[in-house]
């Protein structure tokens, strides 16, 4: 597992364990390859959330897909 993969996995785990997070959004750039575009979307915490970086990514410069939390509560 690469350092980037470990970092993304740890980030996802922290989000899943945060009570304010109700879902995960996988975000990709507009110029992302078809493999990355295929995993873009909203996921509930009980779904199989795609592993990042995308295994079959062919983006120039490497996979830039990332996780973003969908929050229940937003505090000022």
C-alpha atoms as a PDB file:
ATOM      1  CA  UNK A   1       0.000   0.000   0.000  1.00  0.00           C
ATOM      2  CA  UNK A   2       1.417   3.381  -0.983  1.00  0.00           C
ATOM      3  CA  UNK A   3       1.727   6.313   1.399  1.00  0.00           C
ATOM      4  CA  UNK A   4      -1.095   8.093  -0.439  1.00  0.00           C
ATOM      5  CA  UNK A   5      -3.347   5.031  -0.146  1.00  0.00           C
ATOM      6  CA  UNK A   6      -2.609   4.773   3.595  1.00  0.00           C
ATOM      7  CA  UNK A   7      -3.368   8.468   4.080  1.00  0.00           C
ATOM      8  CA  UNK A   8      -6.672   8.209   2.197  1.00  0.00           C
ATOM      9  CA  UNK A   9      -7.677   5.047   4.088  1.00  0.00           C
ATOM     10  CA  UNK A  10      -6.949   6.723   7.430  1.00  0.00           C
ATOM     11  CA  UNK A  11      -8.905   9.801   6.380  1.00  0.00           C
ATOM     12  CA  UNK A  12     -11.896   7.675   5.376  1.00  0.00           C
ATOM     13  CA  UNK A  13     -11.774   5.768   8.666  1.00  0.00           C
ATOM     14  CA  UNK A  14     -11.757   9.020  10.676  1.00  0.00           C
ATOM     15  CA  UNK A  15     -14.774  10.272   8.722  1.00  0.00           C
ATOM     16  CA  UNK A  16     -16.675   7.005   9.235  1.00  0.00           C
ATOM     17  CA  UNK A  17     -16.038   7.182  12.986  1.00  0.00           C
ATOM     18  CA  UNK A  18     -17.205  10.792  13.300  1.00  0.00           C
ATOM     19  CA  UNK A  19     -20.800  11.012  14.570  1.00  0.00           C
ATOM     20  CA  UNK A  20     -21.384  14.224  12.592  1.00  0.00           C
ATOM     21  CA  UNK A  21     -20.741  12.430   9.274  1.00  0.00           C
ATOM     22  CA  UNK A  22     -23.731  10.724   7.635  1.00  0.00           C
ATOM     23  CA  UNK A  23     -22.152   9.920   4.296  1.00  0.00           C
ATOM     24  CA  UNK A  24     -19.064  10.152   2.128  1.00  0.00           C
ATOM     25  CA  UNK A  25     -18.730  11.990  -1.160  1.00  0.00           C
ATOM     26  CA  UNK A  26     -16.067  10.874  -3.625  1.00  0.00           C
ATOM     27  CA  UNK A  27     -14.931  13.894  -5.612  1.00  0.00           C
ATOM     28  CA  UNK A  28     -12.930  13.824  -8.838  1.00  0.00           C
ATOM     29  CA  UNK A  29     -11.624  16.548 -11.128  1.00  0.00           C
ATOM     30  CA  UNK A  30     -13.528  17.507 -14.286  1.00  0.00           C
ATOM     31  CA  UNK A  31     -10.677  16.104 -16.355  1.00  0.00           C
ATOM     32  CA  UNK A  32     -10.541  12.771 -14.495  1.00  0.00           C
ATOM     33  CA  UNK A  33     -10.205   9.511 -16.397  1.00  0.00           C
ATOM     34  CA  UNK A  34     -13.232   7.217 -16.909  1.00  0.00           C
ATOM     35  CA  UNK A  35     -12.181   4.950 -14.011  1.00  0.00           C
ATOM     36  CA  UNK A  36     -12.201   7.866 -11.577  1.00  0.00           C
ATOM     37  CA  UNK A  37     -15.422   9.302 -12.998  1.00  0.00           C
ATOM     38  CA  UNK A  38     -16.993   5.895 -12.402  1.00  0.00           C
ATOM     39  CA  UNK A  39     -16.524   6.113  -8.614  1.00  0.00           C
ATOM     40  CA  UNK A  40     -17.595   9.743  -8.237  1.00  0.00           C
ATOM     41  CA  UNK A  41     -20.723  10.146  -6.157  1.00  0.00           C
ATOM     42  CA  UNK A  42     -22.413  10.037  -2.768  1.00  0.00           C
ATOM     43  CA  UNK A  43     -22.164   6.976  -0.529  1.00  0.00           C
ATOM     44  CA  UNK A  44     -23.887   6.137   2.738  1.00  0.00           C
ATOM     45  CA  UNK A  45     -21.722   4.822   5.546  1.00  0.00           C
ATOM     46  CA  UNK A  46     -23.189   1.316   5.197  1.00  0.00           C
ATOM     47  CA  UNK A  47     -22.314   1.077   1.473  1.00  0.00           C
ATOM     48  CA  UNK A  48     -19.049  -0.186   0.055  1.00  0.00           C
ATOM     49  CA  UNK A  49     -17.159   3.066  -0.422  1.00  0.00           C
ATOM     50  CA  UNK A  50     -14.566   2.834  -3.210  1.00  0.00           C
ATOM     51  CA  UNK A  51     -10.936   2.507  -2.209  1.00  0.00           C
ATOM     52  CA  UNK A  52      -8.803   5.452  -3.261  1.00  0.00           C
ATOM     53  CA  UNK A  53      -6.635   5.991  -5.161  1.00  0.00           C
ATOM     54  CA  UNK A  54      -8.633   4.314  -7.927  1.00  0.00           C
ATOM     55  CA  UNK A  55      -6.860   1.107  -8.954  1.00  0.00           C
ATOM     56  CA  UNK A  56      -7.321   1.495 -12.719  1.00  0.00           C
ATOM     57  CA  UNK A  57      -6.753   5.276 -12.796  1.00  0.00           C
ATOM     58  CA  UNK A  58      -5.139   6.618 -15.944  1.00  0.00           C
ATOM     59  CA  UNK A  59      -5.221  10.322 -15.029  1.00  0.00           C
ATOM     60  CA  UNK A  60      -2.196  12.319 -16.093  1.00  0.00           C
ATOM     61  CA  UNK A  61      -0.164  12.840 -12.943  1.00  0.00           C
ATOM     62  CA  UNK A  62      -1.986  10.122 -11.001  1.00  0.00           C
ATOM     63  CA  UNK A  63      -5.293   9.773  -9.218  1.00  0.00           C
ATOM     64  CA  UNK A  64      -6.659  12.946  -7.633  1.00  0.00           C
ATOM     65  CA  UNK A  65      -9.943  11.443  -6.365  1.00  0.00           C
ATOM     66  CA  UNK A  66     -10.640  12.351  -2.751  1.00  0.00           C
ATOM     67  CA  UNK A  67     -13.117  11.801   0.048  1.00  0.00           C
ATOM     68  CA  UNK A  68     -15.303  14.536   1.492  1.00  0.00           C
ATOM     69  CA  UNK A  69     -17.647  14.067   4.439  1.00  0.00           C
ATOM     70  CA  UNK A  70     -21.378  14.739   4.196  1.00  0.00           C
ATOM     71  CA  UNK A  71     -22.109  16.368   7.550  1.00  0.00           C
ATOM     72  CA  UNK A  72     -25.252  16.092   9.694  1.00  0.00           C
ATOM     73  CA  UNK A  73     -24.460  19.267  11.621  1.00  0.00           C
ATOM     74  CA  UNK A  74     -22.432  22.296  10.674  1.00  0.00           C
ATOM     75  CA  UNK A  75     -21.255  24.497  13.493  1.00  0.00           C
ATOM     76  CA  UNK A  76     -20.406  28.188  13.149  1.00  0.00           C
END
